[in-house]
Amino acid sequence: MTENYKRILAPVDGGEDTMPVLKRAVAIAKQNNSHLDILNVIQVTQFNRNYGNAVSADTVYQLTDQTKEMLETLKQNAIKDGLTDVSIHIRFGNPKKIIAQEFPDDHQDDLTVMGATGLTAVERLVVGSVTNYVTRTTKTDVMIIK
């Protein structure tokens, strides 16, 4: 039995797996006549930890501005591919919790399409995989794009 998804979440980080994730999410959204939410989560606390509170508000603003530009480009790509119902979002905080629980609850997404991992093997050992956490804890169906 094929699920009819109404709202699809595509969390992206701008890495190398962004385009395959977006293409698959757009295809599923078109097939189901669904809304697509493209989300980027900015974890500001990582800057404070890694750079000893040396990151200014201007730097965070610039990062946010660059992220908006990236998301707008992805939205325009989705529209060019024939999708008409698409929104872009930026959230600040813990990507695991936002992608797994908070965002889907707020937007009633019923499918999350995401990359296998945005981290290196060492980073996964230290912080854990966002994808792993999402697949274990979210209420939505999850499609992992390798």
Protein backbone atom coordinates (compact mmCIF):
# COMPACT_ATOMS: atom_id res chain seq x y z
CA MET A 1 0.00 0.00 0.00
CA THR A 2 1.38 3.41 -0.98
CA GLU A 3 1.19 6.18 1.61
CA ASN A 4 -0.30 9.50 0.51
CA TYR A 5 1.89 12.10 2.14
CA LYS A 6 0.39 15.58 2.56
CA ARG A 7 3.35 17.46 4.07
CA ILE A 8 6.98 16.54 3.46
CA LEU A 9 9.96 17.81 5.43
CA ALA A 10 13.38 18.02 3.76
CA PRO A 11 16.01 19.10 6.28
CA VAL A 12 19.15 20.25 4.46
CA ASP A 13 22.53 21.54 5.57
CA GLY A 14 23.95 22.70 2.23
CA GLY A 15 26.34 19.75 2.12
CA GLU A 16 26.95 17.34 -0.73
CA ASP A 17 23.80 15.32 0.01
CA THR A 18 21.50 18.36 -0.22
CA MET A 19 20.66 18.06 -3.93
CA PRO A 20 19.84 14.31 -3.92
CA VAL A 21 17.64 14.84 -0.84
CA LEU A 22 15.87 17.79 -2.42
CA LYS A 23 15.34 16.01 -5.74
CA ARG A 24 13.78 12.98 -4.02
CA ALA A 25 11.62 15.16 -1.77
CA VAL A 26 10.39 17.19 -4.76
CA ALA A 27 9.57 14.01 -6.69
CA ILE A 28 7.56 12.59 -3.77
CA ALA A 29 5.79 15.91 -3.21
CA LYS A 30 4.82 16.12 -6.89
CA GLN A 31 3.64 12.51 -6.91
CA ASN A 32 1.46 13.09 -3.84
CA ASN A 33 0.45 16.70 -4.62
CA SER A 34 2.02 17.59 -1.26
CA HIS A 35 3.45 20.63 0.44
CA LEU A 36 7.26 20.62 0.83
CA ASP A 37 9.02 22.24 3.79
CA ILE A 38 12.74 22.82 3.22
CA LEU A 39 14.44 23.34 6.58
CA ASN A 40 17.90 24.33 7.74
CA VAL A 41 18.75 24.24 11.43
CA ILE A 42 21.49 26.55 12.63
CA GLN A 43 23.10 25.34 15.84
CA VAL A 44 24.53 28.59 17.19
CA THR A 45 25.84 26.96 20.36
CA GLN A 46 28.41 25.07 18.29
CA PHE A 47 30.10 28.37 17.45
CA ASN A 48 30.40 29.34 21.10
CA ARG A 49 31.83 25.93 21.99
CA ASN A 50 34.26 25.77 19.08
CA TYR A 51 35.37 29.40 19.05
CA GLY A 52 35.28 30.36 22.74
CA ASN A 53 32.43 32.88 22.44
CA ALA A 54 34.41 34.75 19.78
CA VAL A 55 31.58 34.63 17.25
CA SER A 56 29.81 37.97 17.03
CA ALA A 57 26.16 38.69 16.37
CA ASP A 58 27.25 40.00 12.96
CA THR A 59 28.73 36.61 12.11
CA VAL A 60 25.50 34.85 13.09
CA TYR A 61 23.55 37.39 11.03
CA GLN A 62 25.79 36.76 7.99
CA LEU A 63 25.40 33.01 8.41
CA THR A 64 21.63 33.42 8.60
CA ASP A 65 21.64 35.61 5.50
CA GLN A 66 23.75 33.06 3.57
CA THR A 67 21.42 30.28 4.71
CA LYS A 68 18.37 32.23 3.50
CA GLU A 69 20.03 32.66 0.10
CA MET A 70 20.83 28.93 -0.10
CA LEU A 71 17.27 27.98 0.87
CA GLU A 72 15.75 30.44 -1.61
CA THR A 73 17.88 28.89 -4.38
CA LEU A 74 16.67 25.41 -3.36
CA LYS A 75 13.07 26.64 -3.36
CA GLN A 76 13.48 28.09 -6.85
CA ASN A 77 14.99 24.77 -8.03
CA ALA A 78 11.96 22.94 -6.65
CA ILE A 79 9.62 25.35 -8.45
CA LYS A 80 11.58 24.90 -11.71
CA ASP A 81 11.11 21.14 -11.25
CA GLY A 82 7.34 21.67 -11.20
CA LEU A 83 6.52 21.87 -7.49
CA THR A 84 4.15 24.72 -6.63
CA ASP A 85 3.63 24.31 -2.87
CA VAL A 86 6.99 24.80 -1.16
CA SER A 87 8.20 26.80 1.86
CA ILE A 88 11.64 27.47 3.32
CA HIS A 89 12.45 27.67 7.03
CA ILE A 90 15.38 28.44 9.31
CA ARG A 91 15.38 27.32 12.92
CA PHE A 92 17.98 27.85 15.61
CA GLY A 93 18.79 25.12 18.11
CA ASN A 94 19.46 21.41 18.35
CA PRO A 95 19.02 19.86 14.87
CA LYS A 96 18.12 16.46 16.30
CA LYS A 97 15.17 17.67 18.35
CA ILE A 98 13.97 20.23 15.83
CA ILE A 99 13.97 17.78 12.90
CA ALA A 100 12.63 14.82 14.86
CA GLN A 101 9.94 16.46 16.97
CA GLU A 102 9.50 20.22 17.03
CA PHE A 103 9.24 21.07 13.33
CA PRO A 104 7.03 18.11 12.30
CA ASP A 105 4.73 18.83 15.24
CA ASP A 106 4.49 22.53 14.35
CA HIS A 107 3.90 21.91 10.63
CA GLN A 108 2.11 18.54 10.67
CA ASP A 109 4.68 16.93 8.36
CA ASP A 110 4.07 13.22 7.81
CA LEU A 111 7.28 12.30 5.94
CA THR A 112 10.87 13.36 6.53
CA VAL A 113 13.29 12.94 3.61
CA MET A 114 16.91 13.35 4.69
CA GLY A 115 20.46 12.40 3.89
CA ALA A 116 22.14 9.42 5.49
CA THR A 117 24.50 11.71 7.36
CA GLY A 118 25.94 15.19 7.23
CA LEU A 119 28.83 14.29 9.51
CA THR A 120 32.19 12.63 9.14
CA ALA A 121 32.78 9.31 10.90
CA VAL A 122 34.65 11.04 13.73
CA GLU A 123 31.88 13.64 14.19
CA ARG A 124 29.27 10.85 14.37
CA LEU A 125 31.23 9.21 17.19
CA VAL A 126 31.41 12.46 19.13
CA VAL A 127 27.97 14.02 18.59
CA GLY A 128 25.95 11.18 17.11
CA SER A 129 24.11 11.14 13.84
CA VAL A 130 21.12 13.43 13.41
CA THR A 131 19.66 10.93 10.95
CA ASN A 132 20.03 8.09 13.45
CA TYR A 133 18.29 10.14 16.14
CA VAL A 134 15.47 11.19 13.81
CA THR A 135 14.78 7.64 12.63
CA ARG A 136 14.56 6.44 16.23
CA THR A 137 12.43 9.21 17.71
CA THR A 138 10.22 10.95 15.15
CA LYS A 139 6.53 10.26 14.62
CA THR A 140 6.84 10.75 10.86
CA ASP A 141 7.87 8.21 8.29
CA VAL A 142 11.51 8.72 7.33
CA MET A 143 13.14 8.19 3.94
CA ILE A 144 16.93 8.18 4.02
CA ILE A 145 18.70 9.18 0.82
CA LYS A 146 22.21 7.76 0.40
